[in-house]
C-alpha atoms as a PDB file:
ATOM      1  CA  UNK A   1       1.497  12.189  26.784  1.00  0.00           C
ATOM      2  CA  UNK A   2       3.483   9.800  29.623  1.00  0.00           C
ATOM      3  CA  UNK A   3       1.654   7.809  32.209  1.00  0.00           C
ATOM      4  CA  UNK A   4       2.781   6.254  35.238  1.00  0.00           C
ATOM      5  CA  UNK A   5       4.106   2.622  35.252  1.00  0.00           C
ATOM      6  CA  UNK A   6       5.252   0.486  38.308  1.00  0.00           C
ATOM      7  CA  UNK A   7       8.697   0.876  40.380  1.00  0.00           C
ATOM      8  CA  UNK A   8       9.107   4.528  39.258  1.00  0.00           C
ATOM      9  CA  UNK A   9       9.157   3.561  35.714  1.00  0.00           C
ATOM     10  CA  UNK A  10       7.355   5.654  32.665  1.00  0.00           C
ATOM     11  CA  UNK A  11       6.085   4.667  29.405  1.00  0.00           C
ATOM     12  CA  UNK A  12       4.379   6.520  26.804  1.00  0.00           C
ATOM     13  CA  UNK A  13       0.917   6.498  26.387  1.00  0.00           C
ATOM     14  CA  UNK A  14      -0.341   6.691  22.325  1.00  0.00           C
ATOM     15  CA  UNK A  15      -3.593   7.784  21.226  1.00  0.00           C
ATOM     16  CA  UNK A  16      -4.499   3.949  20.789  1.00  0.00           C
ATOM     17  CA  UNK A  17      -4.603   3.677  24.289  1.00  0.00           C
ATOM     18  CA  UNK A  18      -6.691   6.396  25.137  1.00  0.00           C
ATOM     19  CA  UNK A  19      -8.969   5.171  22.629  1.00  0.00           C
ATOM     20  CA  UNK A  20      -9.227   1.669  24.157  1.00  0.00           C
ATOM     21  CA  UNK A  21     -10.295   3.100  27.399  1.00  0.00           C
ATOM     22  CA  UNK A  22     -13.184   4.936  25.448  1.00  0.00           C
ATOM     23  CA  UNK A  23     -13.923   2.109  23.542  1.00  0.00           C
ATOM     24  CA  UNK A  24     -14.293  -0.379  26.736  1.00  0.00           C
ATOM     25  CA  UNK A  25     -16.408   2.001  28.570  1.00  0.00           C
ATOM     26  CA  UNK A  26     -18.410   2.208  25.703  1.00  0.00           C
ATOM     27  CA  UNK A  27     -18.526  -1.842  24.871  1.00  0.00           C
ATOM     28  CA  UNK A  28     -21.512  -2.337  27.556  1.00  0.00           C
ATOM     29  CA  UNK A  29     -24.140  -0.513  25.441  1.00  0.00           C
ATOM     30  CA  UNK A  30     -23.103  -2.654  22.028  1.00  0.00           C
ATOM     31  CA  UNK A  31     -25.697  -5.327  21.178  1.00  0.00           C
ATOM     32  CA  UNK A  32     -24.340  -8.708  20.641  1.00  0.00           C
ATOM     33  CA  UNK A  33     -23.976  -9.462  16.678  1.00  0.00           C
ATOM     34  CA  UNK A  34     -24.859 -12.308  14.441  1.00  0.00           C
ATOM     35  CA  UNK A  35     -21.734 -13.939  12.982  1.00  0.00           C
ATOM     36  CA  UNK A  36     -21.849 -14.129   9.199  1.00  0.00           C
ATOM     37  CA  UNK A  37     -21.303 -17.323   7.702  1.00  0.00           C
ATOM     38  CA  UNK A  38     -18.059 -18.278   6.454  1.00  0.00           C
ATOM     39  CA  UNK A  39     -18.105 -19.168   2.669  1.00  0.00           C
ATOM     40  CA  UNK A  40     -15.458 -22.037   1.251  1.00  0.00           C
ATOM     41  CA  UNK A  41     -13.294 -20.469  -1.124  1.00  0.00           C
ATOM     42  CA  UNK A  42     -11.323 -22.586  -3.522  1.00  0.00           C
ATOM     43  CA  UNK A  43      -7.389 -22.019  -3.313  1.00  0.00           C
ATOM     44  CA  UNK A  44      -5.851 -21.937  -6.787  1.00  0.00           C
ATOM     45  CA  UNK A  45      -2.375 -23.030  -7.032  1.00  0.00           C
ATOM     46  CA  UNK A  46      -1.240 -19.210  -7.272  1.00  0.00           C
ATOM     47  CA  UNK A  47      -2.988 -18.844  -3.993  1.00  0.00           C
ATOM     48  CA  UNK A  48      -1.118 -21.729  -2.750  1.00  0.00           C
ATOM     49  CA  UNK A  49       1.972 -20.523  -3.775  1.00  0.00           C
ATOM     50  CA  UNK A  50       1.265 -17.015  -2.459  1.00  0.00           C
ATOM     51  CA  UNK A  51       0.374 -18.331   0.983  1.00  0.00           C
ATOM     52  CA  UNK A  52       3.643 -20.406   0.981  1.00  0.00           C
ATOM     53  CA  UNK A  53       5.724 -17.424   0.014  1.00  0.00           C
ATOM     54  CA  UNK A  54       4.202 -15.749   2.985  1.00  0.00           C
ATOM     55  CA  UNK A  55       4.511 -17.882   5.752  1.00  0.00           C
ATOM     56  CA  UNK A  56       8.421 -18.082   4.494  1.00  0.00           C
ATOM     57  CA  UNK A  57       8.692 -14.196   4.625  1.00  0.00           C
ATOM     58  CA  UNK A  58       7.046 -14.298   8.022  1.00  0.00           C
ATOM     59  CA  UNK A  59       9.260 -17.388   9.396  1.00  0.00           C
ATOM     60  CA  UNK A  60      12.398 -14.985   8.215  1.00  0.00           C
ATOM     61  CA  UNK A  61      10.906 -11.537  10.019  1.00  0.00           C
ATOM     62  CA  UNK A  62      10.510 -13.433  13.469  1.00  0.00           C
ATOM     63  CA  UNK A  63      14.067 -14.638  13.204  1.00  0.00           C
ATOM     64  CA  UNK A  64      15.361 -11.264  12.146  1.00  0.00           C
ATOM     65  CA  UNK A  65      13.415  -9.365  15.113  1.00  0.00           C
ATOM     66  CA  UNK A  66      15.912 -11.094  17.655  1.00  0.00           C
ATOM     67  CA  UNK A  67      18.692  -9.367  16.502  1.00  0.00           C
ATOM     68  CA  UNK A  68      19.413  -6.092  14.532  1.00  0.00           C
ATOM     69  CA  UNK A  69      21.002  -6.896  11.365  1.00  0.00           C
ATOM     70  CA  UNK A  70      23.172  -4.163  11.283  1.00  0.00           C
ATOM     71  CA  UNK A  71      25.060  -4.791  14.368  1.00  0.00           C
ATOM     72  CA  UNK A  72      26.939  -7.817  12.187  1.00  0.00           C
ATOM     73  CA  UNK A  73      30.643  -6.900  10.922  1.00  0.00           C
ATOM     74  CA  UNK A  74      30.217  -8.307   7.129  1.00  0.00           C
ATOM     75  CA  UNK A  75      26.491  -6.865   6.831  1.00  0.00           C
ATOM     76  CA  UNK A  76      27.898  -3.813   7.492  1.00  0.00           C
ATOM     77  CA  UNK A  77      31.319  -4.306   5.236  1.00  0.00           C
ATOM     78  CA  UNK A  78      28.675  -5.458   2.475  1.00  0.00           C
ATOM     79  CA  UNK A  79      26.460  -2.492   2.839  1.00  0.00           C
ATOM     80  CA  UNK A  80      29.012   0.015   2.316  1.00  0.00           C
ATOM     81  CA  UNK A  81      30.384  -1.656  -0.383  1.00  0.00           C
ATOM     82  CA  UNK A  82      27.422  -1.741  -2.064  1.00  0.00           C
ATOM     83  CA  UNK A  83      26.936   2.105  -1.110  1.00  0.00           C
ATOM     84  CA  UNK A  84      30.178   3.092  -2.837  1.00  0.00           C
ATOM     85  CA  UNK A  85      29.497   0.939  -6.016  1.00  0.00           C
ATOM     86  CA  UNK A  86      26.330   2.853  -6.438  1.00  0.00           C
ATOM     87  CA  UNK A  87      28.177   6.453  -5.415  1.00  0.00           C
ATOM     88  CA  UNK A  88      30.622   5.073  -8.245  1.00  0.00           C
ATOM     89  CA  UNK A  89      27.790   4.059 -10.838  1.00  0.00           C
ATOM     90  CA  UNK A  90      26.111   7.328 -10.484  1.00  0.00           C
ATOM     91  CA  UNK A  91      29.332   9.590 -11.140  1.00  0.00           C
ATOM     92  CA  UNK A  92      30.292   7.500 -14.334  1.00  0.00           C
ATOM     93  CA  UNK A  93      26.497   8.106 -15.594  1.00  0.00           C
ATOM     94  CA  UNK A  94      26.464  12.155 -14.629  1.00  0.00           C
ATOM     95  CA  UNK A  95      29.713  12.217 -17.321  1.00  0.00           C
ATOM     96  CA  UNK A  96      28.538   9.548 -19.558  1.00  0.00           C
ATOM     97  CA  UNK A  97      26.011  10.114 -22.088  1.00  0.00           C
ATOM     98  CA  UNK A  98      26.076   7.056 -23.732  1.00  0.00           C
ATOM     99  CA  UNK A  99      26.082   5.023 -20.924  1.00  0.00           C
ATOM    100  CA  UNK A 100      23.361   6.625 -19.566  1.00  0.00           C
ATOM    101  CA  UNK A 101      21.220   5.761 -22.353  1.00  0.00           C
ATOM    102  CA  UNK A 102      22.052   2.520 -22.158  1.00  0.00           C
ATOM    103  CA  UNK A 103      21.126   2.070 -18.681  1.00  0.00           C
ATOM    104  CA  UNK A 104      17.820   3.725 -19.422  1.00  0.00           C
ATOM    105  CA  UNK A 105      17.337   1.255 -22.190  1.00  0.00           C
ATOM    106  CA  UNK A 106      18.152  -1.825 -20.157  1.00  0.00           C
ATOM    107  CA  UNK A 107      15.317  -0.131 -17.170  1.00  0.00           C
ATOM    108  CA  UNK A 108      12.537   0.251 -20.234  1.00  0.00           C
ATOM    109  CA  UNK A 109      13.561  -3.901 -21.193  1.00  0.00           C
ATOM    110  CA  UNK A 110      12.983  -4.822 -17.434  1.00  0.00           C
ATOM    111  CA  UNK A 111       9.660  -2.948 -17.508  1.00  0.00           C
ATOM    112  CA  UNK A 112       8.489  -4.633 -20.523  1.00  0.00           C
ATOM    113  CA  UNK A 113       9.292  -7.477 -19.433  1.00  0.00           C
ATOM    114  CA  UNK A 114       7.459  -6.895 -16.084  1.00  0.00           C
ATOM    115  CA  UNK A 115       4.499  -6.069 -17.795  1.00  0.00           C
ATOM    116  CA  UNK A 116       4.268  -9.230 -19.835  1.00  0.00           C
ATOM    117  CA  UNK A 117       4.856 -11.075 -16.361  1.00  0.00           C
ATOM    118  CA  UNK A 118       2.391  -9.109 -13.930  1.00  0.00           C
ATOM    119  CA  UNK A 119       0.124  -7.606 -16.991  1.00  0.00           C
ATOM    120  CA  UNK A 120      -0.785  -5.018 -19.615  1.00  0.00           C
ATOM    121  CA  UNK A 121      -0.065  -1.377 -18.099  1.00  0.00           C
ATOM    122  CA  UNK A 122      -2.708   0.433 -19.998  1.00  0.00           C
ATOM    123  CA  UNK A 123      -4.625   2.741 -18.582  1.00  0.00           C
ATOM    124  CA  UNK A 124      -8.269   2.723 -20.479  1.00  0.00           C
ATOM    125  CA  UNK A 125      -9.982   2.555 -17.501  1.00  0.00           C
ATOM    126  CA  UNK A 126      -8.722   5.576 -15.550  1.00  0.00           C
ATOM    127  CA  UNK A 127      -8.647   8.016 -19.004  1.00  0.00           C
ATOM    128  CA  UNK A 128     -12.717   7.522 -18.761  1.00  0.00           C
ATOM    129  CA  UNK A 129     -12.986   9.219 -16.055  1.00  0.00           C
ATOM    130  CA  UNK A 130     -10.916  12.813 -16.277  1.00  0.00           C
ATOM    131  CA  UNK A 131     -13.175  13.905 -13.335  1.00  0.00           C
ATOM    132  CA  UNK A 132     -11.944  11.740 -10.603  1.00  0.00           C
ATOM    133  CA  UNK A 133      -7.994  11.907 -11.570  1.00  0.00           C
ATOM    134  CA  UNK A 134      -6.352  15.113  -9.710  1.00  0.00           C
ATOM    135  CA  UNK A 135      -3.296  14.764 -12.568  1.00  0.00           C
ATOM    136  CA  UNK A 136      -4.147  13.548 -16.478  1.00  0.00           C
ATOM    137  CA  UNK A 137      -0.725  12.435 -16.611  1.00  0.00           C
ATOM    138  CA  UNK A 138      -1.025  10.239 -12.934  1.00  0.00           C
ATOM    139  CA  UNK A 139      -3.532   7.404 -13.747  1.00  0.00           C
ATOM    140  CA  UNK A 140      -3.522   3.597 -12.458  1.00  0.00           C
ATOM    141  CA  UNK A 141      -2.881   0.972 -14.808  1.00  0.00           C
ATOM    142  CA  UNK A 142      -5.801  -1.328 -15.624  1.00  0.00           C
ATOM    143  CA  UNK A 143      -4.451  -4.401 -14.068  1.00  0.00           C
ATOM    144  CA  UNK A 144      -3.671  -3.064 -10.625  1.00  0.00           C
ATOM    145  CA  UNK A 145      -6.183  -0.622 -10.128  1.00  0.00           C
ATOM    146  CA  UNK A 146      -8.553  -0.864  -6.867  1.00  0.00           C
ATOM    147  CA  UNK A 147     -11.814  -1.691  -7.965  1.00  0.00           C
ATOM    148  CA  UNK A 148     -15.027  -0.555  -5.960  1.00  0.00           C
ATOM    149  CA  UNK A 149     -17.615  -2.720  -6.831  1.00  0.00           C
ATOM    150  CA  UNK A 150     -20.070  -1.273  -4.270  1.00  0.00           C
ATOM    151  CA  UNK A 151     -19.833   2.347  -6.015  1.00  0.00           C
ATOM    152  CA  UNK A 152     -21.596   3.529  -9.341  1.00  0.00           C
ATOM    153  CA  UNK A 153     -18.862   3.199 -11.218  1.00  0.00           C
ATOM    154  CA  UNK A 154     -16.195   1.269  -9.319  1.00  0.00           C
ATOM    155  CA  UNK A 155     -13.113   3.709 -10.195  1.00  0.00           C
ATOM    156  CA  UNK A 156     -10.874   5.162  -8.131  1.00  0.00           C
ATOM    157  CA  UNK A 157      -7.587   6.735  -8.864  1.00  0.00           C
ATOM    158  CA  UNK A 158      -5.599   4.188  -6.707  1.00  0.00           C
ATOM    159  CA  UNK A 159      -3.209   1.112  -7.183  1.00  0.00           C
ATOM    160  CA  UNK A 160      -2.474  -1.959  -5.567  1.00  0.00           C
ATOM    161  CA  UNK A 161       1.584  -2.305  -4.796  1.00  0.00           C
ATOM    162  CA  UNK A 162       2.414  -5.635  -4.330  1.00  0.00           C
ATOM    163  CA  UNK A 163       5.567  -7.917  -4.368  1.00  0.00           C
ATOM    164  CA  UNK A 164       7.558  -4.544  -4.272  1.00  0.00           C
ATOM    165  CA  UNK A 165      10.308  -6.793  -2.003  1.00  0.00           C
ATOM    166  CA  UNK A 166      10.258 -10.121  -0.039  1.00  0.00           C
ATOM    167  CA  UNK A 167       9.182  -8.536   3.152  1.00  0.00           C
ATOM    168  CA  UNK A 168       7.756  -5.111   1.910  1.00  0.00           C
ATOM    169  CA  UNK A 169       3.739  -5.508   3.258  1.00  0.00           C
ATOM    170  CA  UNK A 170       1.150  -4.942   0.447  1.00  0.00           C
ATOM    171  CA  UNK A 171      -0.297  -1.339   0.267  1.00  0.00           C
ATOM    172  CA  UNK A 172      -1.934   1.465  -1.940  1.00  0.00           C
ATOM    173  CA  UNK A 173      -1.118   4.710  -3.338  1.00  0.00           C
ATOM    174  CA  UNK A 174      -3.569   7.099  -4.185  1.00  0.00           C
ATOM    175  CA  UNK A 175      -4.399  10.667  -4.823  1.00  0.00           C
ATOM    176  CA  UNK A 176      -5.193  12.765  -1.621  1.00  0.00           C
ATOM    177  CA  UNK A 177      -9.037  12.505  -2.121  1.00  0.00           C
ATOM    178  CA  UNK A 178     -10.748  15.482  -4.349  1.00  0.00           C
ATOM    179  CA  UNK A 179     -14.282  16.794  -2.991  1.00  0.00           C
ATOM    180  CA  UNK A 180     -16.223  14.359  -5.409  1.00  0.00           C
ATOM    181  CA  UNK A 181     -13.911  11.294  -4.421  1.00  0.00           C
ATOM    182  CA  UNK A 182     -14.143  11.765  -0.893  1.00  0.00           C
ATOM    183  CA  UNK A 183     -17.064   8.798  -0.934  1.00  0.00           C
ATOM    184  CA  UNK A 184     -14.505   6.462  -3.315  1.00  0.00           C
ATOM    185  CA  UNK A 185     -11.986   6.873  -0.716  1.00  0.00           C
ATOM    186  CA  UNK A 186     -13.355   6.034   2.250  1.00  0.00           C
ATOM    187  CA  UNK A 187     -15.369   3.230   0.823  1.00  0.00           C
ATOM    188  CA  UNK A 188     -11.437   1.954  -0.653  1.00  0.00           C
ATOM    189  CA  UNK A 189     -10.558   2.281   2.983  1.00  0.00           C
ATOM    190  CA  UNK A 190     -13.679   0.058   4.279  1.00  0.00           C
ATOM    191  CA  UNK A 191     -13.555  -2.566   1.308  1.00  0.00           C
ATOM    192  CA  UNK A 192      -9.417  -3.146   1.744  1.00  0.00           C
ATOM    193  CA  UNK A 193      -9.452  -2.985   5.683  1.00  0.00           C
ATOM    194  CA  UNK A 194      -7.145  -0.583   5.830  1.00  0.00           C
ATOM    195  CA  UNK A 195      -5.323   0.012   8.763  1.00  0.00           C
ATOM    196  CA  UNK A 196      -2.722   3.028   8.750  1.00  0.00           C
ATOM    197  CA  UNK A 197      -2.899   5.943   6.442  1.00  0.00           C
ATOM    198  CA  UNK A 198      -0.131   7.815   5.460  1.00  0.00           C
ATOM    199  CA  UNK A 199      -0.430  11.165   3.887  1.00  0.00           C
ATOM    200  CA  UNK A 200       2.385  13.081   2.386  1.00  0.00           C
ATOM    201  CA  UNK A 201       0.800  16.043   2.148  1.00  0.00           C
ATOM    202  CA  UNK A 202       0.339  19.174   5.536  1.00  0.00           C
ATOM    203  CA  UNK A 203      -3.162  19.951   6.115  1.00  0.00           C
ATOM    204  CA  UNK A 204      -2.008  23.781   5.260  1.00  0.00           C
ATOM    205  CA  UNK A 205      -0.903  22.303   1.393  1.00  0.00           C
ATOM    206  CA  UNK A 206      -4.287  19.995   0.888  1.00  0.00           C
ATOM    207  CA  UNK A 207      -6.944  21.810  -1.591  1.00  0.00           C
ATOM    208  CA  UNK A 208      -9.105  19.107   0.278  1.00  0.00           C
ATOM    209  CA  UNK A 209      -9.484  17.799   4.143  1.00  0.00           C
ATOM    210  CA  UNK A 210     -10.974  14.712   3.880  1.00  0.00           C
ATOM    211  CA  UNK A 211     -11.213  13.803   7.687  1.00  0.00           C
ATOM    212  CA  UNK A 212     -13.530  15.436  10.453  1.00  0.00           C
ATOM    213  CA  UNK A 213     -12.114  18.606  11.365  1.00  0.00           C
ATOM    214  CA  UNK A 214     -12.632  17.306  15.613  1.00  0.00           C
ATOM    215  CA  UNK A 215     -14.212  14.941  18.088  1.00  0.00           C
ATOM    216  CA  UNK A 216     -17.396  16.606  18.115  1.00  0.00           C
ATOM    217  CA  UNK A 217     -18.301  16.873  14.235  1.00  0.00           C
ATOM    218  CA  UNK A 218     -18.470  13.257  12.402  1.00  0.00           C
ATOM    219  CA  UNK A 219     -17.930  13.314   8.825  1.00  0.00           C
ATOM    220  CA  UNK A 220     -20.630  11.473   6.967  1.00  0.00           C
ATOM    221  CA  UNK A 221     -19.728   9.402   3.918  1.00  0.00           C
ATOM    222  CA  UNK A 222     -22.508   8.373   1.848  1.00  0.00           C
ATOM    223  CA  UNK A 223     -25.130   6.620   3.536  1.00  0.00           C
ATOM    224  CA  UNK A 224     -23.620   3.957   5.443  1.00  0.00           C
ATOM    225  CA  UNK A 225     -19.798   5.444   6.776  1.00  0.00           C
ATOM    226  CA  UNK A 226     -19.313   7.909   9.256  1.00  0.00           C
ATOM    227  CA  UNK A 227     -16.126   8.714  10.419  1.00  0.00           C
ATOM    228  CA  UNK A 228     -15.437   9.969  13.644  1.00  0.00           C
ATOM    229  CA  UNK A 229     -12.311  11.654  14.883  1.00  0.00           C
ATOM    230  CA  UNK A 230     -10.999  10.201  18.449  1.00  0.00           C
ATOM    231  CA  UNK A 231      -7.717  11.754  18.912  1.00  0.00           C
ATOM    232  CA  UNK A 232      -4.773  13.829  17.606  1.00  0.00           C
ATOM    233  CA  UNK A 233      -1.087  14.322  18.414  1.00  0.00           C
ATOM    234  CA  UNK A 234       1.416  16.296  17.220  1.00  0.00           C
ATOM    235  CA  UNK A 235       5.251  15.378  17.426  1.00  0.00           C
ATOM    236  CA  UNK A 236       7.493  18.486  17.238  1.00  0.00           C
ATOM    237  CA  UNK A 237       5.829  19.781  14.420  1.00  0.00           C
ATOM    238  CA  UNK A 238       7.100  17.202  12.033  1.00  0.00           C
ATOM    239  CA  UNK A 239       3.968  14.541  11.784  1.00  0.00           C
ATOM    240  CA  UNK A 240       0.416  14.778  13.165  1.00  0.00           C
ATOM    241  CA  UNK A 241      -1.437  11.166  14.590  1.00  0.00           C
ATOM    242  CA  UNK A 242      -4.793  10.686  14.251  1.00  0.00           C
ATOM    243  CA  UNK A 243      -6.917   8.189  15.273  1.00  0.00           C
ATOM    244  CA  UNK A 244     -10.266   7.550  13.717  1.00  0.00           C
ATOM    245  CA  UNK A 245     -13.381   5.165  14.187  1.00  0.00           C
ATOM    246  CA  UNK A 246     -15.014   4.302  10.883  1.00  0.00           C
ATOM    247  CA  UNK A 247     -18.284   3.376  11.610  1.00  0.00           C
ATOM    248  CA  UNK A 248     -20.216   1.082   8.840  1.00  0.00           C
ATOM    249  CA  UNK A 249     -23.759   1.695   9.766  1.00  0.00           C
ATOM    250  CA  UNK A 250     -25.154  -0.784   7.421  1.00  0.00           C
ATOM    251  CA  UNK A 251     -23.363  -3.379   9.538  1.00  0.00           C
ATOM    252  CA  UNK A 252     -23.191  -1.865  12.851  1.00  0.00           C
ATOM    253  CA  UNK A 253     -19.438  -2.205  12.862  1.00  0.00           C
ATOM    254  CA  UNK A 254     -17.122  -0.140  13.131  1.00  0.00           C
ATOM    255  CA  UNK A 255     -13.100   0.044  12.784  1.00  0.00           C
ATOM    256  CA  UNK A 256     -10.153   1.979  14.043  1.00  0.00           C
ATOM    257  CA  UNK A 257      -7.947   3.789  11.487  1.00  0.00           C
ATOM    258  CA  UNK A 258      -4.651   5.123  12.244  1.00  0.00           C
ATOM    259  CA  UNK A 259      -3.696   8.485  10.129  1.00  0.00           C
ATOM    260  CA  UNK A 260      -0.209   9.834  10.239  1.00  0.00           C
ATOM    261  CA  UNK A 261       0.303  12.831   8.305  1.00  0.00           C
ATOM    262  CA  UNK A 262       3.693  13.801   7.724  1.00  0.00           C
ATOM    263  CA  UNK A 263       4.401  17.426   7.846  1.00  0.00           C
ATOM    264  CA  UNK A 264       7.699  18.099   6.885  1.00  0.00           C
ATOM    265  CA  UNK A 265       7.796  15.262   3.981  1.00  0.00           C
ATOM    266  CA  UNK A 266       9.896  16.763   0.904  1.00  0.00           C
END
């Protein structure tokens, strides 16, 4: 959908623009809420170190935005050289089983070292809830699993993914919600203040669709949460963008969630 601009220029109107207009019209009917009292938090040495790393990364990102790094000839040559080296290594391993086994051993040793640094790779908690796991061999580690303290058993098949790279945002990897984990999923979305959801399966491939079918029929989750469809936009069959509003009735607060369904992900 395109909207008209000044001087004959046009810009693309997103679903968020449409939602903003809808929310703006409804803003006059809301009741002012009392601001929650802020509780002081004592920062540990690890917290301070993470804050410094995030600040440095943010500064680097802001600096990089002014210039496309791949416009630089030296960067292009370096990237090309790394690609050719990786391609040659892959060809070597395809014809040398001994070298492949040696590399696999090296990978395992690094994984064990990472376990020692970041925590155990046990999955004892996940094994206690087989009814909440779609597959018995895809389970979250105890040290990185998302905990839901407000639910009955605090378990969901989902893992925090942090420090993937210096400039990579933190995210959560989780299974597509099943019928009996629907409430856990949306509770996690609210608890972790999720802003964007990327679904790697098309709606036709999902066993359980976890969002409301249309704008007229909100999805009620438990006693507190309600998910409402605000808009849907399909981009040439490759992906579908949906905008949801998640309302927490007990807090009289709502949030906007962008849901991206990748229809041809492979």
